[in-house]
Amino acid sequence: MVARGLVRGRFCGVFRLRSSILLCVLCAALLCARGAQAQTLTVINTDGHSTTLTAAQIAAAPHVAVSVEDHGAAAKFEGVPLANVLTMAGIQLGDSLRGARLTEVLLASAADGYKVAYALAETDPAFATREIILADKRDGKLLDAKEGPYRIVAPGDKRGARWIKQLTELRVVAVK
């Protein structure tokens, strides 16, 4: 009887240990999946067609650097011109951006629900003299969790209110 209790006790201890390990593995997998999901950017066109750009696609795109002042301090951001990001997602700019398409706006959304708007023409180098970027680095380092993984930097804005942090979605909307 005593031996049976010892065996049962050891079995329960091993079962608890295995359950704990399994729980830890599941939690780690969920955190990794959540982190991978956060590394994507969704771009939606006026028809509602959605394109998801991965961190690898964004990292592989040609990057530019801009030196700006952010909250009174000099900063150097690196990233992909927003026009290139939109083109990667199938949004046409350049000669096709005329007439009724000049009423389209780009609605940028952050993880916390914050949203800002840009005229689509502001992002097009054929219209604008400045280059708005989808930044993924600041001062040579990847953006931290408070800013990234992606942030829009719009040099020339007198206030940084449209320099949206933790960007998750870009949506092109036709204003009628």
C-alpha atoms as a PDB file:
ATOM      1  CA  MET A   1       0.000   0.000   0.000  1.00  0.00           C
ATOM      2  CA  VAL A   2       2.830   2.396   0.899  1.00  0.00           C
ATOM      3  CA  ALA A   3       4.716   1.440  -2.273  1.00  0.00           C
ATOM      4  CA  ARG A   4       1.607   2.081  -4.331  1.00  0.00           C
ATOM      5  CA  GLY A   5       1.294   5.594  -2.809  1.00  0.00           C
ATOM      6  CA  LEU A   6       4.948   6.362  -3.586  1.00  0.00           C
ATOM      7  CA  VAL A   7       4.538   5.289  -7.200  1.00  0.00           C
ATOM      8  CA  ARG A   8       1.359   7.328  -7.516  1.00  0.00           C
ATOM      9  CA  GLY A   9       3.101  10.348  -5.953  1.00  0.00           C
ATOM     10  CA  ARG A  10       6.059  10.091  -8.337  1.00  0.00           C
ATOM     11  CA  PHE A  11       3.701   9.695 -11.298  1.00  0.00           C
ATOM     12  CA  CYS A  12       1.770  12.806 -10.284  1.00  0.00           C
ATOM     13  CA  GLY A  13       5.024  14.733  -9.842  1.00  0.00           C
ATOM     14  CA  VAL A  14       6.247  13.714 -13.300  1.00  0.00           C
ATOM     15  CA  PHE A  15       2.838  14.550 -14.792  1.00  0.00           C
ATOM     16  CA  ARG A  16       2.896  18.015 -13.201  1.00  0.00           C
ATOM     17  CA  LEU A  17       6.430  18.628 -14.484  1.00  0.00           C
ATOM     18  CA  ARG A  18       5.500  17.581 -18.021  1.00  0.00           C
ATOM     19  CA  SER A  19       2.351  19.720 -17.873  1.00  0.00           C
ATOM     20  CA  SER A  20       4.400  22.715 -16.734  1.00  0.00           C
ATOM     21  CA  ILE A  21       6.911  22.216 -19.539  1.00  0.00           C
ATOM     22  CA  LEU A  22       4.115  21.881 -22.100  1.00  0.00           C
ATOM     23  CA  LEU A  23       2.473  25.048 -20.802  1.00  0.00           C
ATOM     24  CA  CYS A  24       5.772  26.950 -21.091  1.00  0.00           C
ATOM     25  CA  VAL A  25       6.296  25.709 -24.650  1.00  0.00           C
ATOM     26  CA  LEU A  26       2.753  26.771 -25.636  1.00  0.00           C
ATOM     27  CA  CYS A  27       3.208  30.220 -24.102  1.00  0.00           C
ATOM     28  CA  ALA A  28       6.515  30.689 -25.927  1.00  0.00           C
ATOM     29  CA  ALA A  29       4.902  29.636 -29.215  1.00  0.00           C
ATOM     30  CA  LEU A  30       2.052  32.104 -28.724  1.00  0.00           C
ATOM     31  CA  LEU A  31       4.458  34.942 -27.933  1.00  0.00           C
ATOM     32  CA  CYS A  32       6.526  34.146 -31.032  1.00  0.00           C
ATOM     33  CA  ALA A  33       3.414  34.035 -33.200  1.00  0.00           C
ATOM     34  CA  ARG A  34       2.224  37.319 -31.732  1.00  0.00           C
ATOM     35  CA  GLY A  35       5.633  38.907 -32.347  1.00  0.00           C
ATOM     36  CA  ALA A  36       5.691  37.652 -35.944  1.00  0.00           C
ATOM     37  CA  GLN A  37       2.196  39.008 -36.491  1.00  0.00           C
ATOM     38  CA  ALA A  38       3.262  42.407 -35.147  1.00  0.00           C
ATOM     39  CA  GLN A  39       6.132  42.452 -37.661  1.00  0.00           C
ATOM     40  CA  THR A  40       3.723  42.599 -40.587  1.00  0.00           C
ATOM     41  CA  LEU A  41       2.087  45.605 -42.170  1.00  0.00           C
ATOM     42  CA  THR A  42      -1.333  45.423 -43.820  1.00  0.00           C
ATOM     43  CA  VAL A  43      -2.033  47.667 -46.816  1.00  0.00           C
ATOM     44  CA  ILE A  44      -5.621  47.936 -48.061  1.00  0.00           C
ATOM     45  CA  ASN A  45      -6.619  49.543 -51.368  1.00  0.00           C
ATOM     46  CA  THR A  46      -9.847  51.443 -52.139  1.00  0.00           C
ATOM     47  CA  ASP A  47     -11.569  48.217 -53.253  1.00  0.00           C
ATOM     48  CA  GLY A  48     -10.847  46.610 -49.886  1.00  0.00           C
ATOM     49  CA  HIS A  49      -8.167  44.255 -51.254  1.00  0.00           C
ATOM     50  CA  SER A  50      -5.639  43.576 -48.503  1.00  0.00           C
ATOM     51  CA  THR A  51      -1.916  42.891 -48.889  1.00  0.00           C
ATOM     52  CA  THR A  52       0.254  41.855 -45.960  1.00  0.00           C
ATOM     53  CA  LEU A  53       3.893  42.868 -46.145  1.00  0.00           C
ATOM     54  CA  THR A  54       6.262  40.846 -43.992  1.00  0.00           C
ATOM     55  CA  ALA A  55       9.264  42.074 -42.060  1.00  0.00           C
ATOM     56  CA  ALA A  56      11.499  40.272 -44.569  1.00  0.00           C
ATOM     57  CA  GLN A  57       9.873  42.060 -47.527  1.00  0.00           C
ATOM     58  CA  ILE A  58      10.204  45.443 -45.850  1.00  0.00           C
ATOM     59  CA  ALA A  59      13.796  44.782 -44.780  1.00  0.00           C
ATOM     60  CA  ALA A  60      14.711  43.738 -48.347  1.00  0.00           C
ATOM     61  CA  ALA A  61      13.292  46.924 -49.898  1.00  0.00           C
ATOM     62  CA  PRO A  62      15.702  49.790 -50.657  1.00  0.00           C
ATOM     63  CA  HIS A  63      16.090  52.013 -47.591  1.00  0.00           C
ATOM     64  CA  VAL A  64      16.789  55.732 -47.285  1.00  0.00           C
ATOM     65  CA  ALA A  65      17.858  57.817 -44.295  1.00  0.00           C
ATOM     66  CA  VAL A  66      16.445  61.112 -43.082  1.00  0.00           C
ATOM     67  CA  SER A  67      17.917  63.365 -40.418  1.00  0.00           C
ATOM     68  CA  VAL A  68      15.224  65.186 -38.480  1.00  0.00           C
ATOM     69  CA  GLU A  69      14.465  66.738 -35.131  1.00  0.00           C
ATOM     70  CA  ASP A  70      12.173  64.616 -32.942  1.00  0.00           C
ATOM     71  CA  HIS A  71      10.954  66.167 -29.693  1.00  0.00           C
ATOM     72  CA  GLY A  72      13.827  68.644 -29.671  1.00  0.00           C
ATOM     73  CA  ALA A  73      16.579  66.092 -30.305  1.00  0.00           C
ATOM     74  CA  ALA A  74      18.386  65.228 -33.515  1.00  0.00           C
ATOM     75  CA  ALA A  75      17.514  61.782 -34.872  1.00  0.00           C
ATOM     76  CA  LYS A  76      18.373  59.775 -37.958  1.00  0.00           C
ATOM     77  CA  PHE A  77      15.614  57.473 -39.176  1.00  0.00           C
ATOM     78  CA  GLU A  78      16.095  54.778 -41.799  1.00  0.00           C
ATOM     79  CA  GLY A  79      13.301  53.166 -43.725  1.00  0.00           C
ATOM     80  CA  VAL A  80      11.513  52.544 -46.980  1.00  0.00           C
ATOM     81  CA  PRO A  81       9.943  55.480 -48.827  1.00  0.00           C
ATOM     82  CA  LEU A  82       6.202  55.256 -48.248  1.00  0.00           C
ATOM     83  CA  ALA A  83       5.631  55.455 -52.010  1.00  0.00           C
ATOM     84  CA  ASN A  84       7.651  52.224 -52.415  1.00  0.00           C
ATOM     85  CA  VAL A  85       5.675  50.491 -49.657  1.00  0.00           C
ATOM     86  CA  LEU A  86       2.411  51.392 -51.386  1.00  0.00           C
ATOM     87  CA  THR A  87       3.756  50.236 -54.754  1.00  0.00           C
ATOM     88  CA  MET A  88       4.854  46.917 -53.187  1.00  0.00           C
ATOM     89  CA  ALA A  89       1.211  46.454 -52.150  1.00  0.00           C
ATOM     90  CA  GLY A  90      -0.120  47.234 -55.636  1.00  0.00           C
ATOM     91  CA  ILE A  91      -1.211  50.847 -55.033  1.00  0.00           C
ATOM     92  CA  GLN A  92      -0.533  52.783 -58.222  1.00  0.00           C
ATOM     93  CA  LEU A  93       1.044  56.209 -58.003  1.00  0.00           C
ATOM     94  CA  GLY A  94       2.718  58.442 -60.598  1.00  0.00           C
ATOM     95  CA  ASP A  95       0.805  59.100 -63.833  1.00  0.00           C
ATOM     96  CA  SER A  96      -2.256  57.181 -62.625  1.00  0.00           C
ATOM     97  CA  LEU A  97      -2.698  59.579 -59.707  1.00  0.00           C
ATOM     98  CA  ARG A  98      -4.882  62.266 -61.294  1.00  0.00           C
ATOM     99  CA  GLY A  99      -8.509  63.347 -61.542  1.00  0.00           C
ATOM    100  CA  ALA A 100     -10.779  61.604 -59.043  1.00  0.00           C
ATOM    101  CA  ARG A 101      -7.823  59.725 -57.546  1.00  0.00           C
ATOM    102  CA  LEU A 102      -6.551  63.032 -56.150  1.00  0.00           C
ATOM    103  CA  THR A 103      -9.301  62.765 -53.530  1.00  0.00           C
ATOM    104  CA  GLU A 104      -7.787  59.575 -52.103  1.00  0.00           C
ATOM    105  CA  VAL A 105      -6.251  59.678 -48.668  1.00  0.00           C
ATOM    106  CA  LEU A 106      -3.964  57.302 -46.840  1.00  0.00           C
ATOM    107  CA  LEU A 107      -5.278  56.398 -43.397  1.00  0.00           C
ATOM    108  CA  ALA A 108      -2.492  55.097 -41.148  1.00  0.00           C
ATOM    109  CA  SER A 109      -3.474  53.110 -38.042  1.00  0.00           C
ATOM    110  CA  ALA A 110      -1.413  52.212 -34.976  1.00  0.00           C
ATOM    111  CA  ALA A 111      -1.634  49.245 -32.623  1.00  0.00           C
ATOM    112  CA  ASP A 112      -3.324  51.403 -29.964  1.00  0.00           C
ATOM    113  CA  GLY A 113      -6.037  52.659 -32.346  1.00  0.00           C
ATOM    114  CA  TYR A 114      -4.413  56.047 -33.082  1.00  0.00           C
ATOM    115  CA  LYS A 115      -5.032  57.121 -36.690  1.00  0.00           C
ATOM    116  CA  VAL A 116      -3.700  59.846 -38.957  1.00  0.00           C
ATOM    117  CA  ALA A 117      -4.362  60.785 -42.573  1.00  0.00           C
ATOM    118  CA  TYR A 118      -2.181  61.881 -45.476  1.00  0.00           C
ATOM    119  CA  ALA A 119      -3.336  62.961 -48.915  1.00  0.00           C
ATOM    120  CA  LEU A 120      -2.220  60.124 -51.176  1.00  0.00           C
ATOM    121  CA  ALA A 121      -0.490  62.707 -53.384  1.00  0.00           C
ATOM    122  CA  GLU A 122       1.746  63.642 -50.393  1.00  0.00           C
ATOM    123  CA  THR A 123       3.342  60.203 -50.631  1.00  0.00           C
ATOM    124  CA  ASP A 124       4.009  60.371 -54.372  1.00  0.00           C
ATOM    125  CA  PRO A 125       7.424  61.709 -55.447  1.00  0.00           C
ATOM    126  CA  ALA A 126       5.789  62.981 -58.646  1.00  0.00           C
ATOM    127  CA  PHE A 127       3.786  65.442 -56.482  1.00  0.00           C
ATOM    128  CA  ALA A 128       5.764  66.058 -53.311  1.00  0.00           C
ATOM    129  CA  THR A 129       9.264  67.402 -52.791  1.00  0.00           C
ATOM    130  CA  ARG A 130       9.735  65.581 -49.482  1.00  0.00           C
ATOM    131  CA  GLU A 131       9.998  61.864 -48.895  1.00  0.00           C
ATOM    132  CA  ILE A 132       7.771  60.337 -46.210  1.00  0.00           C
ATOM    133  CA  ILE A 133       9.243  57.072 -44.965  1.00  0.00           C
ATOM    134  CA  LEU A 134       8.161  53.899 -43.231  1.00  0.00           C
ATOM    135  CA  ALA A 135      10.943  53.848 -40.644  1.00  0.00           C
ATOM    136  CA  ASP A 136      12.215  50.648 -39.057  1.00  0.00           C
ATOM    137  CA  LYS A 137      15.439  52.062 -37.556  1.00  0.00           C
ATOM    138  CA  ARG A 138      16.364  55.048 -35.443  1.00  0.00           C
ATOM    139  CA  ASP A 139      19.989  56.090 -35.017  1.00  0.00           C
ATOM    140  CA  GLY A 140      21.166  52.804 -36.532  1.00  0.00           C
ATOM    141  CA  LYS A 141      19.099  50.535 -34.267  1.00  0.00           C
ATOM    142  CA  LEU A 142      15.778  48.780 -34.834  1.00  0.00           C
ATOM    143  CA  LEU A 143      12.870  50.726 -33.387  1.00  0.00           C
ATOM    144  CA  ASP A 144      12.070  49.763 -29.809  1.00  0.00           C
ATOM    145  CA  ALA A 145       8.687  48.424 -28.693  1.00  0.00           C
ATOM    146  CA  LYS A 146       7.389  51.936 -27.887  1.00  0.00           C
ATOM    147  CA  GLU A 147       7.982  53.127 -31.467  1.00  0.00           C
ATOM    148  CA  GLY A 148       7.997  50.085 -33.696  1.00  0.00           C
ATOM    149  CA  PRO A 149       8.314  47.848 -35.384  1.00  0.00           C
ATOM    150  CA  TYR A 150       7.284  50.513 -37.924  1.00  0.00           C
ATOM    151  CA  ARG A 151       6.789  54.248 -37.723  1.00  0.00           C
ATOM    152  CA  ILE A 152       5.966  56.881 -40.296  1.00  0.00           C
ATOM    153  CA  VAL A 153       8.352  59.828 -40.397  1.00  0.00           C
ATOM    154  CA  ALA A 154       7.208  62.857 -42.409  1.00  0.00           C
ATOM    155  CA  PRO A 155      10.054  65.392 -42.614  1.00  0.00           C
ATOM    156  CA  GLY A 156       8.718  68.901 -43.038  1.00  0.00           C
ATOM    157  CA  ASP A 157       5.701  68.512 -40.738  1.00  0.00           C
ATOM    158  CA  LYS A 158       6.088  71.273 -38.140  1.00  0.00           C
ATOM    159  CA  ARG A 159       4.494  69.022 -35.526  1.00  0.00           C
ATOM    160  CA  GLY A 160       5.148  65.303 -35.190  1.00  0.00           C
ATOM    161  CA  ALA A 161       1.489  64.395 -34.583  1.00  0.00           C
ATOM    162  CA  ARG A 162       1.339  62.464 -37.864  1.00  0.00           C
ATOM    163  CA  TRP A 163       4.579  60.571 -37.192  1.00  0.00           C
ATOM    164  CA  ILE A 164       2.558  57.568 -36.152  1.00  0.00           C
ATOM    165  CA  LYS A 165       4.277  54.923 -34.006  1.00  0.00           C
ATOM    166  CA  GLN A 166       3.581  51.179 -33.885  1.00  0.00           C
ATOM    167  CA  LEU A 167       2.060  51.290 -37.367  1.00  0.00           C
ATOM    168  CA  THR A 168      -0.068  48.248 -38.225  1.00  0.00           C
ATOM    169  CA  GLU A 169      -2.179  49.265 -41.231  1.00  0.00           C
ATOM    170  CA  LEU A 170      -2.246  51.592 -44.215  1.00  0.00           C
ATOM    171  CA  ARG A 171      -5.639  52.010 -45.901  1.00  0.00           C
ATOM    172  CA  VAL A 172      -6.313  54.008 -49.056  1.00  0.00           C
ATOM    173  CA  VAL A 173      -9.733  55.679 -48.831  1.00  0.00           C
ATOM    174  CA  ALA A 174     -11.539  57.542 -51.610  1.00  0.00           C
ATOM    175  CA  VAL A 175     -13.147  60.707 -50.253  1.00  0.00           C
ATOM    176  CA  LYS A 176     -16.343  61.583 -52.090  1.00  0.00           C
END
